[in-house]
Amino acid sequence: MSGTVVLEEKWPVLGRHARAAEWLQIWTDLGRAPRTIDAYARGLAEYLEVCEREGVDPVAASRAHIGVFVRELTE
């Protein structure tokens, strides 16, 4: 079982976004530590969940969309 599959089990939203899995795999291939990958995956999952809830394509998100995400992080 690859690390990405394990992360997708932990955060199912990652499995719904192919680009997210690709991005995490790149960092894994570059030798980032497992805890670093886990932290990246958690943050990415939180971002993707906000995008899904707001109906925003995460790849095409605007500064305003990112602002909504950052505001939620501070609440």
C-alpha atoms as a PDB file:
ATOM      1  CA  MET A   1       0.000   0.000   0.000  1.00  0.00           C
ATOM      2  CA  SER A   2       1.468   3.337  -1.000  1.00  0.00           C
ATOM      3  CA  GLY A   3       1.710   6.271   1.350  1.00  0.00           C
ATOM      4  CA  THR A   4      -0.789   8.228  -0.707  1.00  0.00           C
ATOM      5  CA  VAL A   5      -3.395   5.486  -0.297  1.00  0.00           C
ATOM      6  CA  VAL A   6      -2.919   5.572   3.476  1.00  0.00           C
ATOM      7  CA  LEU A   7      -3.356   9.353   3.455  1.00  0.00           C
ATOM      8  CA  GLU A   8      -6.515   9.015   1.365  1.00  0.00           C
ATOM      9  CA  GLU A   9      -7.910   6.615   3.953  1.00  0.00           C
ATOM     10  CA  LYS A  10      -7.135   9.139   6.685  1.00  0.00           C
ATOM     11  CA  TRP A  11      -8.529  12.083   4.680  1.00  0.00           C
ATOM     12  CA  PRO A  12     -10.960  10.799   2.011  1.00  0.00           C
ATOM     13  CA  VAL A  13     -11.167  14.223   0.360  1.00  0.00           C
ATOM     14  CA  LEU A  14      -7.655  13.642  -1.000  1.00  0.00           C
ATOM     15  CA  GLY A  15      -8.931  10.705  -3.030  1.00  0.00           C
ATOM     16  CA  ARG A  16     -11.435  12.953  -4.782  1.00  0.00           C
ATOM     17  CA  HIS A  17      -8.714  15.232  -6.150  1.00  0.00           C
ATOM     18  CA  ALA A  18      -6.155  13.547  -8.401  1.00  0.00           C
ATOM     19  CA  ARG A  19      -3.882  16.589  -8.411  1.00  0.00           C
ATOM     20  CA  ALA A  20      -3.657  16.442  -4.615  1.00  0.00           C
ATOM     21  CA  ALA A  21      -2.452  12.845  -4.714  1.00  0.00           C
ATOM     22  CA  GLU A  22       0.077  13.735  -7.424  1.00  0.00           C
ATOM     23  CA  TRP A  23       1.409  16.669  -5.421  1.00  0.00           C
ATOM     24  CA  LEU A  24       1.805  14.603  -2.270  1.00  0.00           C
ATOM     25  CA  GLN A  25       3.521  11.827  -4.224  1.00  0.00           C
ATOM     26  CA  ILE A  26       6.046  14.305  -5.618  1.00  0.00           C
ATOM     27  CA  TRP A  27       6.977  15.424  -2.114  1.00  0.00           C
ATOM     28  CA  THR A  28       7.200  11.796  -0.999  1.00  0.00           C
ATOM     29  CA  ASP A  29       9.469  10.981  -3.955  1.00  0.00           C
ATOM     30  CA  LEU A  30      11.658  13.949  -3.061  1.00  0.00           C
ATOM     31  CA  GLY A  31      12.298  12.303   0.280  1.00  0.00           C
ATOM     32  CA  ARG A  32      10.286  14.455   2.647  1.00  0.00           C
ATOM     33  CA  ALA A  33       9.862  12.908   6.075  1.00  0.00           C
ATOM     34  CA  PRO A  34       6.640  10.975   6.742  1.00  0.00           C
ATOM     35  CA  ARG A  35       5.529  13.487   9.375  1.00  0.00           C
ATOM     36  CA  THR A  36       6.060  16.327   6.906  1.00  0.00           C
ATOM     37  CA  ILE A  37       3.963  14.538   4.282  1.00  0.00           C
ATOM     38  CA  ASP A  38       1.291  13.906   6.909  1.00  0.00           C
ATOM     39  CA  ALA A  39       1.221  17.606   7.817  1.00  0.00           C
ATOM     40  CA  TYR A  40       1.035  18.622   4.148  1.00  0.00           C
ATOM     41  CA  ALA A  41      -1.796  16.122   3.605  1.00  0.00           C
ATOM     42  CA  ARG A  42      -3.759  17.391   6.607  1.00  0.00           C
ATOM     43  CA  GLY A  43      -3.497  21.018   5.477  1.00  0.00           C
ATOM     44  CA  LEU A  44      -4.328  20.134   1.898  1.00  0.00           C
ATOM     45  CA  ALA A  45      -7.343  18.104   3.024  1.00  0.00           C
ATOM     46  CA  GLU A  46      -8.630  21.044   5.057  1.00  0.00           C
ATOM     47  CA  TYR A  47      -8.232  23.336   2.037  1.00  0.00           C
ATOM     48  CA  LEU A  48      -9.968  20.882  -0.308  1.00  0.00           C
ATOM     49  CA  GLU A  49     -12.880  20.463   2.106  1.00  0.00           C
ATOM     50  CA  VAL A  50     -13.433  24.238   2.133  1.00  0.00           C
ATOM     51  CA  CYS A  51     -13.244  24.301  -1.676  1.00  0.00           C
ATOM     52  CA  GLU A  52     -15.805  21.510  -1.941  1.00  0.00           C
ATOM     53  CA  ARG A  53     -18.141  23.190   0.528  1.00  0.00           C
ATOM     54  CA  GLU A  54     -17.850  26.536  -1.292  1.00  0.00           C
ATOM     55  CA  GLY A  55     -18.153  24.932  -4.752  1.00  0.00           C
ATOM     56  CA  VAL A  56     -14.705  26.156  -5.831  1.00  0.00           C
ATOM     57  CA  ASP A  57     -12.258  24.375  -8.125  1.00  0.00           C
ATOM     58  CA  PRO A  58      -9.158  24.247  -5.895  1.00  0.00           C
ATOM     59  CA  VAL A  59      -6.809  24.680  -8.853  1.00  0.00           C
ATOM     60  CA  ALA A  60      -8.619  27.812 -10.043  1.00  0.00           C
ATOM     61  CA  ALA A  61      -9.298  29.365  -6.631  1.00  0.00           C
ATOM     62  CA  SER A  62      -8.991  33.141  -6.454  1.00  0.00           C
ATOM     63  CA  ARG A  63      -7.411  35.226  -3.730  1.00  0.00           C
ATOM     64  CA  ALA A  64     -10.882  35.720  -2.276  1.00  0.00           C
ATOM     65  CA  HIS A  65     -11.366  31.961  -1.993  1.00  0.00           C
ATOM     66  CA  ILE A  66      -7.991  31.588  -0.317  1.00  0.00           C
ATOM     67  CA  GLY A  67      -9.026  34.380   2.045  1.00  0.00           C
ATOM     68  CA  VAL A  68     -12.099  32.391   3.123  1.00  0.00           C
ATOM     69  CA  PHE A  69      -9.858  29.421   3.889  1.00  0.00           C
ATOM     70  CA  VAL A  70      -7.334  31.498   5.851  1.00  0.00           C
ATOM     71  CA  ARG A  71     -10.119  33.212   7.809  1.00  0.00           C
ATOM     72  CA  GLU A  72     -11.501  29.805   8.793  1.00  0.00           C
ATOM     73  CA  LEU A  73      -8.055  28.752  10.014  1.00  0.00           C
ATOM     74  CA  THR A  74      -8.050  31.616  12.478  1.00  0.00           C
ATOM     75  CA  GLU A  75     -11.517  30.906  13.878  1.00  0.00           C
END
